[in-house]
Amino acid sequence: FQETPIVEVTRSITKHNYLVLDVEDIPRVVKEAFFLATSGRPGPVLIDIPKDIQQQLVVPNWDQPIKLPGYLARLPKVPQVAHLERIVRLISESKKPVLYVGGGCLNSSEELRRFVELTGIPVAS
């Protein structure tokens, strides 16, 4: 199984895959992999490090910046005040609002709890 293209095999079941071909890339790739695995909807990230790369010696530079072009641009933007005011108005005018929350609130449980306390809106998850 040494020649199995593991990156291709696992592409459909992971959030992201890496094939490390330069030992100097390992610190950056590990940082990126943890960032991707824990951001948004958490999920697995594969790092394939071939044996010849594993056997090389290196002094790791852990201060390398993350290189994820396009990924950070997809993070939520700061909402505009006008949009927030419209949301508040629409919720206030609702007759029977309900919050149906999922993975999008994964890292916002305290904010969700406070919102529910303030509004009294029932929650389903």
PDB file of N, CA and C in Angstrom:
ATOM      1  N   PHE A   1       0.803  -1.211   0.000  1.00  0.00           N
ATOM      2  CA  PHE A   1       0.000   0.000   0.000  1.00  0.00           C
ATOM      3  C   PHE A   1       0.842   1.270   0.000  1.00  0.00           C
ATOM      4  N   GLN A   2       2.143   1.129  -0.167  1.00  0.00           N
ATOM      5  CA  GLN A   2       3.009   2.304  -0.121  1.00  0.00           C
ATOM      6  C   GLN A   2       2.741   3.281  -1.254  1.00  0.00           C
ATOM      7  N   GLU A   3       2.210   2.801  -2.338  1.00  0.00           N
ATOM      8  CA  GLU A   3       1.971   3.673  -3.486  1.00  0.00           C
ATOM      9  C   GLU A   3       0.524   4.147  -3.582  1.00  0.00           C
ATOM     10  N   THR A   4      -0.281   3.883  -2.561  1.00  0.00           N
ATOM     11  CA  THR A   4      -1.672   4.328  -2.574  1.00  0.00           C
ATOM     12  C   THR A   4      -1.717   5.855  -2.535  1.00  0.00           C
ATOM     13  N   PRO A   5      -2.430   6.481  -3.452  1.00  0.00           N
ATOM     14  CA  PRO A   5      -2.540   7.953  -3.436  1.00  0.00           C
ATOM     15  C   PRO A   5      -3.528   8.391  -2.350  1.00  0.00           C
ATOM     16  N   ILE A   6      -3.063   8.368  -1.095  1.00  0.00           N
ATOM     17  CA  ILE A   6      -3.946   8.569   0.062  1.00  0.00           C
ATOM     18  C   ILE A   6      -4.646   9.926   0.032  1.00  0.00           C
ATOM     19  N   VAL A   7      -3.982  10.946  -0.485  1.00  0.00           N
ATOM     20  CA  VAL A   7      -4.618  12.264  -0.574  1.00  0.00           C
ATOM     21  C   VAL A   7      -5.843  12.184  -1.475  1.00  0.00           C
ATOM     22  N   GLU A   8      -5.711  11.529  -2.615  1.00  0.00           N
ATOM     23  CA  GLU A   8      -6.850  11.384  -3.534  1.00  0.00           C
ATOM     24  C   GLU A   8      -7.928  10.487  -2.939  1.00  0.00           C
ATOM     25  N   VAL A   9      -7.518   9.417  -2.279  1.00  0.00           N
ATOM     26  CA  VAL A   9      -8.474   8.465  -1.704  1.00  0.00           C
ATOM     27  C   VAL A   9      -9.328   9.133  -0.627  1.00  0.00           C
ATOM     28  N   THR A  10      -8.741  10.013   0.165  1.00  0.00           N
ATOM     29  CA  THR A  10      -9.461  10.620   1.291  1.00  0.00           C
ATOM     30  C   THR A  10     -10.066  11.985   0.978  1.00  0.00           C
ATOM     31  N   ARG A  11      -9.879  12.478  -0.228  1.00  0.00           N
ATOM     32  CA  ARG A  11     -10.347  13.831  -0.575  1.00  0.00           C
ATOM     33  C   ARG A  11     -11.838  14.037  -0.289  1.00  0.00           C
ATOM     34  N   SER A  12     -12.664  13.052  -0.568  1.00  0.00           N
ATOM     35  CA  SER A  12     -14.113  13.232  -0.409  1.00  0.00           C
ATOM     36  C   SER A  12     -14.588  13.084   1.036  1.00  0.00           C
ATOM     37  N   ILE A  13     -13.718  12.651   1.944  1.00  0.00           N
ATOM     38  CA  ILE A  13     -14.151  12.442   3.328  1.00  0.00           C
ATOM     39  C   ILE A  13     -13.395  13.318   4.323  1.00  0.00           C
ATOM     40  N   THR A  14     -12.627  14.278   3.822  1.00  0.00           N
ATOM     41  CA  THR A  14     -11.907  15.199   4.695  1.00  0.00           C
ATOM     42  C   THR A  14     -12.214  16.640   4.293  1.00  0.00           C
ATOM     43  N   LYS A  15     -12.008  17.557   5.236  1.00  0.00           N
ATOM     44  CA  LYS A  15     -12.183  18.973   4.916  1.00  0.00           C
ATOM     45  C   LYS A  15     -11.071  19.463   3.999  1.00  0.00           C
ATOM     46  N   HIS A  16      -9.884  18.928   4.202  1.00  0.00           N
ATOM     47  CA  HIS A  16      -8.729  19.357   3.409  1.00  0.00           C
ATOM     48  C   HIS A  16      -7.661  18.277   3.483  1.00  0.00           C
ATOM     49  N   ASN A  17      -6.783  18.253   2.493  1.00  0.00           N
ATOM     50  CA  ASN A  17      -5.676  17.302   2.438  1.00  0.00           C
ATOM     51  C   ASN A  17      -4.382  18.030   2.137  1.00  0.00           C
ATOM     52  N   TYR A  18      -3.304  17.537   2.721  1.00  0.00           N
ATOM     53  CA  TYR A  18      -1.974  18.067   2.432  1.00  0.00           C
ATOM     54  C   TYR A  18      -1.044  16.918   2.069  1.00  0.00           C
ATOM     55  N   LEU A  19      -0.203  17.135   1.096  1.00  0.00           N
ATOM     56  CA  LEU A  19       0.911  16.250   0.781  1.00  0.00           C
ATOM     57  C   LEU A  19       2.167  17.093   0.962  1.00  0.00           C
ATOM     58  N   VAL A  20       2.927  16.797   2.007  1.00  0.00           N
ATOM     59  CA  VAL A  20       4.107  17.587   2.332  1.00  0.00           C
ATOM     60  C   VAL A  20       5.298  17.068   1.527  1.00  0.00           C
ATOM     61  N   LEU A  21       5.847  17.922   0.683  1.00  0.00           N
ATOM     62  CA  LEU A  21       6.995  17.547  -0.144  1.00  0.00           C
ATOM     63  C   LEU A  21       8.271  18.287   0.254  1.00  0.00           C
ATOM     64  N   ASP A  22       8.154  19.191   1.228  1.00  0.00           N
ATOM     65  CA  ASP A  22       9.313  19.941   1.719  1.00  0.00           C
ATOM     66  C   ASP A  22       9.233  19.961   3.240  1.00  0.00           C
ATOM     67  N   VAL A  23      10.271  19.465   3.896  1.00  0.00           N
ATOM     68  CA  VAL A  23      10.276  19.377   5.352  1.00  0.00           C
ATOM     69  C   VAL A  23      10.055  20.748   6.001  1.00  0.00           C
ATOM     70  N   GLU A  24      10.473  21.820   5.339  1.00  0.00           N
ATOM     71  CA  GLU A  24      10.297  23.175   5.876  1.00  0.00           C
ATOM     72  C   GLU A  24       8.819  23.585   5.932  1.00  0.00           C
ATOM     73  N   ASP A  25       7.963  22.908   5.185  1.00  0.00           N
ATOM     74  CA  ASP A  25       6.533  23.240   5.158  1.00  0.00           C
ATOM     75  C   ASP A  25       5.748  22.639   6.322  1.00  0.00           C
ATOM     76  N   ILE A  26       6.346  21.702   7.048  1.00  0.00           N
ATOM     77  CA  ILE A  26       5.601  20.985   8.089  1.00  0.00           C
ATOM     78  C   ILE A  26       4.995  21.922   9.138  1.00  0.00           C
ATOM     79  N   PRO A  27       5.739  22.875   9.719  1.00  0.00           N
ATOM     80  CA  PRO A  27       5.110  23.742  10.729  1.00  0.00           C
ATOM     81  C   PRO A  27       3.898  24.512  10.192  1.00  0.00           C
ATOM     82  N   ARG A  28       4.032  25.083   8.994  1.00  0.00           N
ATOM     83  CA  ARG A  28       2.907  25.836   8.416  1.00  0.00           C
ATOM     84  C   ARG A  28       1.726  24.919   8.140  1.00  0.00           C
ATOM     85  N   VAL A  29       2.001  23.752   7.578  1.00  0.00           N
ATOM     86  CA  VAL A  29       0.926  22.814   7.241  1.00  0.00           C
ATOM     87  C   VAL A  29       0.194  22.353   8.500  1.00  0.00           C
ATOM     88  N   VAL A  30       0.930  22.079   9.565  1.00  0.00           N
ATOM     89  CA  VAL A  30       0.292  21.651  10.819  1.00  0.00           C
ATOM     90  C   VAL A  30      -0.595  22.767  11.370  1.00  0.00           C
ATOM     91  N   LYS A  31      -0.104  24.024  11.347  1.00  0.00           N
ATOM     92  CA  LYS A  31      -0.921  25.156  11.813  1.00  0.00           C
ATOM     93  C   LYS A  31      -2.185  25.300  10.973  1.00  0.00           C
ATOM     94  N   GLU A  32      -2.027  25.222   9.657  1.00  0.00           N
ATOM     95  CA  GLU A  32      -3.186  25.348   8.767  1.00  0.00           C
ATOM     96  C   GLU A  32      -4.172  24.210   8.999  1.00  0.00           C
ATOM     97  N   ALA A  33      -3.653  23.000   9.162  1.00  0.00           N
ATOM     98  CA  ALA A  33      -4.525  21.841   9.351  1.00  0.00           C
ATOM     99  C   ALA A  33      -5.358  21.981  10.623  1.00  0.00           C
ATOM    100  N   PHE A  34      -4.743  22.410  11.724  1.00  0.00           N
ATOM    101  CA  PHE A  34      -5.500  22.600  12.960  1.00  0.00           C
ATOM    102  C   PHE A  34      -6.517  23.726  12.811  1.00  0.00           C
ATOM    103  N   PHE A  35      -6.129  24.800  12.121  1.00  0.00           N
ATOM    104  CA  PHE A  35      -7.063  25.896  11.886  1.00  0.00           C
ATOM    105  C   PHE A  35      -8.274  25.404  11.105  1.00  0.00           C
ATOM    106  N   LEU A  36      -8.027  24.692  10.007  1.00  0.00           N
ATOM    107  CA  LEU A  36      -9.122  24.201   9.168  1.00  0.00           C
ATOM    108  C   LEU A  36      -9.979  23.170   9.896  1.00  0.00           C
ATOM    109  N   ALA A  37      -9.339  22.288  10.652  1.00  0.00           N
ATOM    110  CA  ALA A  37     -10.073  21.228  11.344  1.00  0.00           C
ATOM    111  C   ALA A  37     -11.005  21.782  12.410  1.00  0.00           C
ATOM    112  N   THR A  38     -10.637  22.907  13.010  1.00  0.00           N
ATOM    113  CA  THR A  38     -11.430  23.442  14.119  1.00  0.00           C
ATOM    114  C   THR A  38     -12.279  24.647  13.746  1.00  0.00           C
ATOM    115  N   SER A  39     -12.142  25.167  12.529  1.00  0.00           N
ATOM    116  CA  SER A  39     -12.935  26.333  12.142  1.00  0.00           C
ATOM    117  C   SER A  39     -14.179  25.902  11.381  1.00  0.00           C
ATOM    118  N   GLY A  40     -15.179  26.793  11.409  1.00  0.00           N
ATOM    119  CA  GLY A  40     -16.426  26.456  10.725  1.00  0.00           C
ATOM    120  C   GLY A  40     -16.989  25.176  11.297  1.00  0.00           C
ATOM    121  N   ARG A  41     -17.405  24.292  10.433  1.00  0.00           N
ATOM    122  CA  ARG A  41     -17.866  22.981  10.880  1.00  0.00           C
ATOM    123  C   ARG A  41     -16.626  22.106  11.085  1.00  0.00           C
ATOM    124  N   PRO A  42     -16.351  21.669  12.319  1.00  0.00           N
ATOM    125  CA  PRO A  42     -15.146  20.877  12.566  1.00  0.00           C
ATOM    126  C   PRO A  42     -15.126  19.595  11.733  1.00  0.00           C
ATOM    127  N   GLY A  43     -13.949  19.195  11.325  1.00  0.00           N
ATOM    128  CA  GLY A  43     -13.830  17.971  10.545  1.00  0.00           C
ATOM    129  C   GLY A  43     -12.385  17.569  10.347  1.00  0.00           C
ATOM    130  N   PRO A  44     -12.174  16.369   9.801  1.00  0.00           N
ATOM    131  CA  PRO A  44     -10.817  15.840   9.657  1.00  0.00           C
ATOM    132  C   PRO A  44     -10.027  16.509   8.537  1.00  0.00           C
ATOM    133  N   VAL A  45      -8.739  16.666   8.794  1.00  0.00           N
ATOM    134  CA  VAL A  45      -7.796  17.164   7.801  1.00  0.00           C
ATOM    135  C   VAL A  45      -6.642  16.161   7.756  1.00  0.00           C
ATOM    136  N   LEU A  46      -6.280  15.720   6.567  1.00  0.00           N
ATOM    137  CA  LEU A  46      -5.209  14.739   6.396  1.00  0.00           C
ATOM    138  C   LEU A  46      -3.903  15.431   6.046  1.00  0.00           C
ATOM    139  N   ILE A  47      -2.838  15.030   6.738  1.00  0.00           N
ATOM    140  CA  ILE A  47      -1.491  15.477   6.387  1.00  0.00           C
ATOM    141  C   ILE A  47      -0.699  14.229   6.022  1.00  0.00           C
ATOM    142  N   ASP A  48      -0.321  14.110   4.760  1.00  0.00           N
ATOM    143  CA  ASP A  48       0.476  12.983   4.285  1.00  0.00           C
ATOM    144  C   ASP A  48       1.928  13.438   4.198  1.00  0.00           C
ATOM    145  N   ILE A  49       2.776  12.808   5.008  1.00  0.00           N
ATOM    146  CA  ILE A  49       4.199  13.134   5.002  1.00  0.00           C
ATOM    147  C   ILE A  49       4.953  11.884   4.555  1.00  0.00           C
ATOM    148  N   PRO A  50       5.462  11.887   3.326  1.00  0.00           N
ATOM    149  CA  PRO A  50       6.188  10.722   2.819  1.00  0.00           C
ATOM    150  C   PRO A  50       7.402  10.382   3.694  1.00  0.00           C
ATOM    151  N   LYS A  51       7.790   9.119   3.653  1.00  0.00           N
ATOM    152  CA  LYS A  51       8.865   8.629   4.514  1.00  0.00           C
ATOM    153  C   LYS A  51      10.171   9.399   4.321  1.00  0.00           C
ATOM    154  N   ASP A  52      10.520   9.747   3.087  1.00  0.00           N
ATOM    155  CA  ASP A  52      11.778  10.469   2.868  1.00  0.00           C
ATOM    156  C   ASP A  52      11.759  11.843   3.531  1.00  0.00           C
ATOM    157  N   ILE A  53      10.594  12.469   3.602  1.00  0.00           N
ATOM    158  CA  ILE A  53      10.460  13.769   4.284  1.00  0.00           C
ATOM    159  C   ILE A  53      10.523  13.563   5.796  1.00  0.00           C
ATOM    160  N   GLN A  54       9.901  12.493   6.289  1.00  0.00           N
ATOM    161  CA  GLN A  54       9.908  12.196   7.722  1.00  0.00           C
ATOM    162  C   GLN A  54      11.322  11.977   8.253  1.00  0.00           C
ATOM    163  N   GLN A  55      12.207  11.465   7.424  1.00  0.00           N
ATOM    164  CA  GLN A  55      13.559  11.121   7.870  1.00  0.00           C
ATOM    165  C   GLN A  55      14.535  12.294   7.802  1.00  0.00           C
ATOM    166  N   GLN A  56      14.090  13.429   7.297  1.00  0.00           N
ATOM    167  CA  GLN A  56      14.965  14.600   7.226  1.00  0.00           C
ATOM    168  C   GLN A  56      14.990  15.326   8.567  1.00  0.00           C
ATOM    169  N   LEU A  57      16.105  15.954   8.857  1.00  0.00           N
ATOM    170  CA  LEU A  57      16.230  16.752  10.070  1.00  0.00           C
ATOM    171  C   LEU A  57      15.953  18.212   9.739  1.00  0.00           C
ATOM    172  N   VAL A  58      15.294  18.885  10.664  1.00  0.00           N
ATOM    173  CA  VAL A  58      14.966  20.289  10.453  1.00  0.00           C
ATOM    174  C   VAL A  58      14.785  20.964  11.808  1.00  0.00           C
ATOM    175  N   VAL A  59      15.114  22.235  11.864  1.00  0.00           N
ATOM    176  CA  VAL A  59      14.774  23.052  13.027  1.00  0.00           C
ATOM    177  C   VAL A  59      13.501  23.786  12.624  1.00  0.00           C
ATOM    178  N   PRO A  60      12.359  23.405  13.205  1.00  0.00           N
ATOM    179  CA  PRO A  60      11.088  23.974  12.734  1.00  0.00           C
ATOM    180  C   PRO A  60      10.940  25.454  13.062  1.00  0.00           C
ATOM    181  N   ASN A  61      10.379  26.176  12.128  1.00  0.00           N
ATOM    182  CA  ASN A  61      10.038  27.585  12.325  1.00  0.00           C
ATOM    183  C   ASN A  61       8.524  27.651  12.529  1.00  0.00           C
ATOM    184  N   TRP A  62       8.098  27.702  13.781  1.00  0.00           N
ATOM    185  CA  TRP A  62       6.663  27.663  14.096  1.00  0.00           C
ATOM    186  C   TRP A  62       5.993  29.012  13.895  1.00  0.00           C
ATOM    187  N   ASP A  63       6.754  30.035  13.523  1.00  0.00           N
ATOM    188  CA  ASP A  63       6.176  31.364  13.309  1.00  0.00           C
ATOM    189  C   ASP A  63       5.766  31.609  11.865  1.00  0.00           C
ATOM    190  N   GLN A  64       5.745  30.583  11.041  1.00  0.00           N
ATOM    191  CA  GLN A  64       5.337  30.758   9.647  1.00  0.00           C
ATOM    192  C   GLN A  64       3.866  31.142   9.583  1.00  0.00           C
ATOM    193  N   PRO A  65       3.522  32.089   8.719  1.00  0.00           N
ATOM    194  CA  PRO A  65       2.111  32.481   8.595  1.00  0.00           C
ATOM    195  C   PRO A  65       1.295  31.408   7.875  1.00  0.00           C
ATOM    196  N   ILE A  66       0.022  31.371   8.195  1.00  0.00           N
ATOM    197  CA  ILE A  66      -0.905  30.474   7.511  1.00  0.00           C
ATOM    198  C   ILE A  66      -1.140  31.014   6.110  1.00  0.00           C
ATOM    199  N   LYS A  67      -1.130  30.121   5.111  1.00  0.00           N
ATOM    200  CA  LYS A  67      -1.362  30.520   3.716  1.00  0.00           C
ATOM    201  C   LYS A  67      -2.628  29.840   3.221  1.00  0.00           C
ATOM    202  N   LEU A  68      -3.739  30.495   3.389  1.00  0.00           N
ATOM    203  CA  LEU A  68      -5.019  29.948   2.936  1.00  0.00           C
ATOM    204  C   LEU A  68      -5.726  30.978   2.068  1.00  0.00           C
ATOM    205  N   PRO A  69      -5.248  31.197   0.843  1.00  0.00           N
ATOM    206  CA  PRO A  69      -5.886  32.206  -0.003  1.00  0.00           C
ATOM    207  C   PRO A  69      -7.350  31.880  -0.252  1.00  0.00           C
ATOM    208  N   GLY A  70      -8.189  32.873  -0.043  1.00  0.00           N
ATOM    209  CA  GLY A  70      -9.614  32.682  -0.283  1.00  0.00           C
ATOM    210  C   GLY A  70     -10.372  32.151   0.910  1.00  0.00           C
ATOM    211  N   TYR A  71      -9.714  31.414   1.795  1.00  0.00           N
ATOM    212  CA  TYR A  71     -10.432  30.821   2.923  1.00  0.00           C
ATOM    213  C   TYR A  71     -10.832  31.881   3.929  1.00  0.00           C
ATOM    214  N   LEU A  72      -9.907  32.736   4.320  1.00  0.00           N
ATOM    215  CA  LEU A  72     -10.217  33.754   5.322  1.00  0.00           C
ATOM    216  C   LEU A  72     -11.249  34.751   4.809  1.00  0.00           C
ATOM    217  N   ALA A  73     -11.301  34.958   3.505  1.00  0.00           N
ATOM    218  CA  ALA A  73     -12.275  35.882   2.933  1.00  0.00           C
ATOM    219  C   ALA A  73     -13.698  35.370   3.105  1.00  0.00           C
ATOM    220  N   ARG A  74     -13.844  34.080   3.350  1.00  0.00           N
ATOM    221  CA  ARG A  74     -15.179  33.523   3.506  1.00  0.00           C
ATOM    222  C   ARG A  74     -15.672  33.554   4.944  1.00  0.00           C
ATOM    223  N   LEU A  75     -14.850  34.036   5.859  1.00  0.00           N
ATOM    224  CA  LEU A  75     -15.304  34.157   7.234  1.00  0.00           C
ATOM    225  C   LEU A  75     -16.349  35.259   7.303  1.00  0.00           C
ATOM    226  N   PRO A  76     -17.268  35.178   8.276  1.00  0.00           N
ATOM    227  CA  PRO A  76     -18.318  36.194   8.357  1.00  0.00           C
ATOM    228  C   PRO A  76     -17.745  37.598   8.507  1.00  0.00           C
ATOM    229  N   LYS A  77     -18.383  38.537   7.837  1.00  0.00           N
ATOM    230  CA  LYS A  77     -17.977  39.936   7.929  1.00  0.00           C
ATOM    231  C   LYS A  77     -18.720  40.583   9.094  1.00  0.00           C
ATOM    232  N   VAL A  78     -18.198  41.703   9.553  1.00  0.00           N
ATOM    233  CA  VAL A  78     -18.868  42.466  10.600  1.00  0.00           C
ATOM    234  C   VAL A  78     -20.182  42.981  10.019  1.00  0.00           C
ATOM    235  N   PRO A  79     -21.308  42.719  10.707  1.00  0.00           N
ATOM    236  CA  PRO A  79     -22.599  43.135  10.144  1.00  0.00           C
ATOM    237  C   PRO A  79     -22.756  44.653  10.131  1.00  0.00           C
ATOM    238  N   GLN A  80     -23.490  45.134   9.149  1.00  0.00           N
ATOM    239  CA  GLN A  80     -23.790  46.560   9.068  1.00  0.00           C
ATOM    240  C   GLN A  80     -24.928  46.876  10.040  1.00  0.00           C
ATOM    241  N   VAL A  81     -24.866  48.048  10.639  1.00  0.00           N
ATOM    242  CA  VAL A  81     -25.875  48.461  11.613  1.00  0.00           C
ATOM    243  C   VAL A  81     -27.273  48.408  10.999  1.00  0.00           C
ATOM    244  N   ALA A  82     -27.421  48.840   9.764  1.00  0.00           N
ATOM    245  CA  ALA A  82     -28.734  48.831   9.107  1.00  0.00           C
ATOM    246  C   ALA A  82     -29.282  47.411   8.997  1.00  0.00           C
ATOM    247  N   HIS A  83     -28.417  46.457   8.721  1.00  0.00           N
ATOM    248  CA  HIS A  83     -28.861  45.062   8.636  1.00  0.00           C
ATOM    249  C   HIS A  83     -29.311  44.551  10.000  1.00  0.00           C
ATOM    250  N   LEU A  84     -28.539  44.887  11.034  1.00  0.00           N
ATOM    251  CA  LEU A  84     -28.912  44.468  12.387  1.00  0.00           C
ATOM    252  C   LEU A  84     -30.239  45.085  12.812  1.00  0.00           C
ATOM    253  N   GLU A  85     -30.431  46.361  12.498  1.00  0.00           N
ATOM    254  CA  GLU A  85     -31.695  47.022  12.844  1.00  0.00           C
ATOM    255  C   GLU A  85     -32.867  46.352  12.141  1.00  0.00           C
ATOM    256  N   ARG A  86     -32.677  45.973  10.902  1.00  0.00           N
ATOM    257  CA  ARG A  86     -33.745  45.293  10.151  1.00  0.00           C
ATOM    258  C   ARG A  86     -34.049  43.927  10.769  1.00  0.00           C
ATOM    259  N   ILE A  87     -33.003  43.201  11.156  1.00  0.00           N
ATOM    260  CA  ILE A  87     -33.199  41.895  11.789  1.00  0.00           C
ATOM    261  C   ILE A  87     -33.980  42.049  13.088  1.00  0.00           C
ATOM    262  N   VAL A  88     -33.591  43.021  13.908  1.00  0.00           N
ATOM    263  CA  VAL A  88     -34.289  43.263  15.179  1.00  0.00           C
ATOM    264  C   VAL A  88     -35.749  43.610  14.919  1.00  0.00           C
ATOM    265  N   ARG A  89     -36.005  44.456  13.925  1.00  0.00           N
ATOM    266  CA  ARG A  89     -37.382  44.834  13.598  1.00  0.00           C
ATOM    267  C   ARG A  89     -38.187  43.615  13.149  1.00  0.00           C
ATOM    268  N   LEU A  90     -37.625  42.810  12.272  1.00  0.00           N
ATOM    269  CA  LEU A  90     -38.344  41.630  11.776  1.00  0.00           C
ATOM    270  C   LEU A  90     -38.638  40.632  12.897  1.00  0.00           C
ATOM    271  N   ILE A  91     -37.672  40.441  13.789  1.00  0.00           N
ATOM    272  CA  ILE A  91     -37.903  39.535  14.923  1.00  0.00           C
ATOM    273  C   ILE A  91     -38.975  40.111  15.839  1.00  0.00           C
ATOM    274  N   SER A  92     -38.912  41.415  16.100  1.00  0.00           N
ATOM    275  CA  SER A  92     -39.903  42.064  16.976  1.00  0.00           C
ATOM    276  C   SER A  92     -41.311  41.961  16.417  1.00  0.00           C
ATOM    277  N   GLU A  93     -41.434  42.020  15.095  1.00  0.00           N
ATOM    278  CA  GLU A  93     -42.746  41.961  14.453  1.00  0.00           C
ATOM    279  C   GLU A  93     -43.246  40.528  14.252  1.00  0.00           C
ATOM    280  N   SER A  94     -42.395  39.550  14.494  1.00  0.00           N
ATOM    281  CA  SER A  94     -42.789  38.150  14.295  1.00  0.00           C
ATOM    282  C   SER A  94     -43.836  37.737  15.316  1.00  0.00           C
ATOM    283  N   LYS A  95     -44.800  36.933  14.862  1.00  0.00           N
ATOM    284  CA  LYS A  95     -45.863  36.471  15.762  1.00  0.00           C
ATOM    285  C   LYS A  95     -45.434  35.259  16.575  1.00  0.00           C
ATOM    286  N   LYS A  96     -44.780  34.294  15.946  1.00  0.00           N
ATOM    287  CA  LYS A  96     -44.351  33.080  16.646  1.00  0.00           C
ATOM    288  C   LYS A  96     -42.931  32.702  16.214  1.00  0.00           C
ATOM    289  N   PRO A  97     -41.942  33.507  16.593  1.00  0.00           N
ATOM    290  CA  PRO A  97     -40.573  33.183  16.166  1.00  0.00           C
ATOM    291  C   PRO A  97     -40.044  31.939  16.880  1.00  0.00           C
ATOM    292  N   VAL A  98     -39.182  31.237  16.212  1.00  0.00           N
ATOM    293  CA  VAL A  98     -38.480  30.099  16.805  1.00  0.00           C
ATOM    294  C   VAL A  98     -37.063  30.090  16.236  1.00  0.00           C
ATOM    295  N   LEU A  99     -36.104  29.741  17.054  1.00  0.00           N
ATOM    296  CA  LEU A  99     -34.718  29.651  16.605  1.00  0.00           C
ATOM    297  C   LEU A  99     -34.397  28.191  16.336  1.00  0.00           C
ATOM    298  N   TYR A 100     -34.026  27.899  15.112  1.00  0.00           N
ATOM    299  CA  TYR A 100     -33.600  26.554  14.740  1.00  0.00           C
ATOM    300  C   TYR A 100     -32.104  26.640  14.499  1.00  0.00           C
ATOM    301  N   VAL A 101     -31.312  26.189  15.471  1.00  0.00           N
ATOM    302  CA  VAL A 101     -29.861  26.366  15.398  1.00  0.00           C
ATOM    303  C   VAL A 101     -29.158  25.039  15.152  1.00  0.00           C
ATOM    304  N   GLY A 102     -28.020  25.140  14.524  1.00  0.00           N
ATOM    305  CA  GLY A 102     -27.221  23.951  14.227  1.00  0.00           C
ATOM    306  C   GLY A 102     -25.754  24.248  14.425  1.00  0.00           C
ATOM    307  N   GLY A 103     -24.936  23.651  13.573  1.00  0.00           N
ATOM    308  CA  GLY A 103     -23.492  23.770  13.681  1.00  0.00           C
ATOM    309  C   GLY A 103     -22.973  25.187  13.550  1.00  0.00           C
ATOM    310  N   GLY A 104     -23.754  26.072  12.964  1.00  0.00           N
ATOM    311  CA  GLY A 104     -23.333  27.458  12.827  1.00  0.00           C
ATOM    312  C   GLY A 104     -23.183  28.168  14.160  1.00  0.00           C
ATOM    313  N   CYS A 105     -23.814  27.640  15.196  1.00  0.00           N
ATOM    314  CA  CYS A 105     -23.720  28.233  16.536  1.00  0.00           C
ATOM    315  C   CYS A 105     -22.755  27.464  17.436  1.00  0.00           C
ATOM    316  N   LEU A 106     -21.988  26.569  16.851  1.00  0.00           N
ATOM    317  CA  LEU A 106     -21.125  25.681  17.617  1.00  0.00           C
ATOM    318  C   LEU A 106     -20.235  26.417  18.611  1.00  0.00           C
ATOM    319  N   ASN A 107     -19.607  27.479  18.192  1.00  0.00           N
ATOM    320  CA  ASN A 107     -18.697  28.216  19.072  1.00  0.00           C
ATOM    321  C   ASN A 107     -19.337  29.480  19.635  1.00  0.00           C
ATOM    322  N   SER A 108     -20.658  29.538  19.623  1.00  0.00           N
ATOM    323  CA  SER A 108     -21.364  30.736  20.083  1.00  0.00           C
ATOM    324  C   SER A 108     -22.450  30.399  21.091  1.00  0.00           C
ATOM    325  N   SER A 109     -22.251  29.348  21.859  1.00  0.00           N
ATOM    326  CA  SER A 109     -23.310  28.911  22.773  1.00  0.00           C
ATOM    327  C   SER A 109     -23.643  29.963  23.830  1.00  0.00           C
ATOM    328  N   GLU A 110     -22.636  30.672  24.326  1.00  0.00           N
ATOM    329  CA  GLU A 110     -22.899  31.702  25.338  1.00  0.00           C
ATOM    330  C   GLU A 110     -23.695  32.859  24.742  1.00  0.00           C
ATOM    331  N   GLU A 111     -23.365  33.263  23.522  1.00  0.00           N
ATOM    332  CA  GLU A 111     -24.099  34.336  22.851  1.00  0.00           C
ATOM    333  C   GLU A 111     -25.537  33.911  22.563  1.00  0.00           C
ATOM    334  N   LEU A 112     -25.709  32.670  22.147  1.00  0.00           N
ATOM    335  CA  LEU A 112     -27.048  32.147  21.889  1.00  0.00           C
ATOM    336  C   LEU A 112     -27.871  32.123  23.174  1.00  0.00           C
ATOM    337  N   ARG A 113     -27.270  31.644  24.265  1.00  0.00           N
ATOM    338  CA  ARG A 113     -27.974  31.597  25.549  1.00  0.00           C
ATOM    339  C   ARG A 113     -28.429  32.995  25.961  1.00  0.00           C
ATOM    340  N   ARG A 114     -27.563  33.979  25.817  1.00  0.00           N
ATOM    341  CA  ARG A 114     -27.897  35.362  26.186  1.00  0.00           C
ATOM    342  C   ARG A 114     -29.014  35.902  25.293  1.00  0.00           C
ATOM    343  N   PHE A 115     -28.951  35.625  23.986  1.00  0.00           N
ATOM    344  CA  PHE A 115     -29.984  36.069  23.054  1.00  0.00           C
ATOM    345  C   PHE A 115     -31.337  35.474  23.435  1.00  0.00           C
ATOM    346  N   VAL A 116     -31.346  34.198  23.774  1.00  0.00           N
ATOM    347  CA  VAL A 116     -32.596  33.527  24.159  1.00  0.00           C
ATOM    348  C   VAL A 116     -33.132  34.112  25.463  1.00  0.00           C
ATOM    349  N   GLU A 117     -32.241  34.406  26.412  1.00  0.00           N
ATOM    350  CA  GLU A 117     -32.674  35.027  27.669  1.00  0.00           C
ATOM    351  C   GLU A 117     -33.320  36.389  27.415  1.00  0.00           C
ATOM    352  N   LEU A 118     -32.728  37.169  26.523  1.00  0.00           N
ATOM    353  CA  LEU A 118     -33.242  38.510  26.233  1.00  0.00           C
ATOM    354  C   LEU A 118     -34.555  38.491  25.459  1.00  0.00           C
ATOM    355  N   THR A 119     -34.693  37.548  24.542  1.00  0.00           N
ATOM    356  CA  THR A 119     -35.865  37.550  23.662  1.00  0.00           C
ATOM    357  C   THR A 119     -36.964  36.597  24.090  1.00  0.00           C
ATOM    358  N   GLY A 120     -36.601  35.533  24.808  1.00  0.00           N
ATOM    359  CA  GLY A 120     -37.590  34.527  25.180  1.00  0.00           C
ATOM    360  C   GLY A 120     -38.029  33.648  24.016  1.00  0.00           C
ATOM    361  N   ILE A 121     -37.317  33.706  22.908  1.00  0.00           N
ATOM    362  CA  ILE A 121     -37.671  32.907  21.734  1.00  0.00           C
ATOM    363  C   ILE A 121     -37.293  31.450  21.990  1.00  0.00           C
ATOM    364  N   PRO A 122     -38.221  30.507  21.719  1.00  0.00           N
ATOM    365  CA  PRO A 122     -37.892  29.093  21.899  1.00  0.00           C
ATOM    366  C   PRO A 122     -36.809  28.638  20.915  1.00  0.00           C
ATOM    367  N   VAL A 123     -36.033  27.634  21.339  1.00  0.00           N
ATOM    368  CA  VAL A 123     -34.907  27.147  20.542  1.00  0.00           C
ATOM    369  C   VAL A 123     -35.071  25.667  20.244  1.00  0.00           C
ATOM    370  N   ALA A 124     -34.782  25.300  19.009  1.00  0.00           N
ATOM    371  CA  ALA A 124     -34.702  23.892  18.608  1.00  0.00           C
ATOM    372  C   ALA A 124     -33.331  23.691  17.984  1.00  0.00           C
ATOM    373  N   SER A 125     -32.732  22.550  18.293  1.00  0.00           N
ATOM    374  CA  SER A 125     -31.412  22.288  17.689  1.00  0.00           C
ATOM    375  C   SER A 125     -31.351  20.881  17.140  1.00  0.00           C
TER     376      SER A 125
END
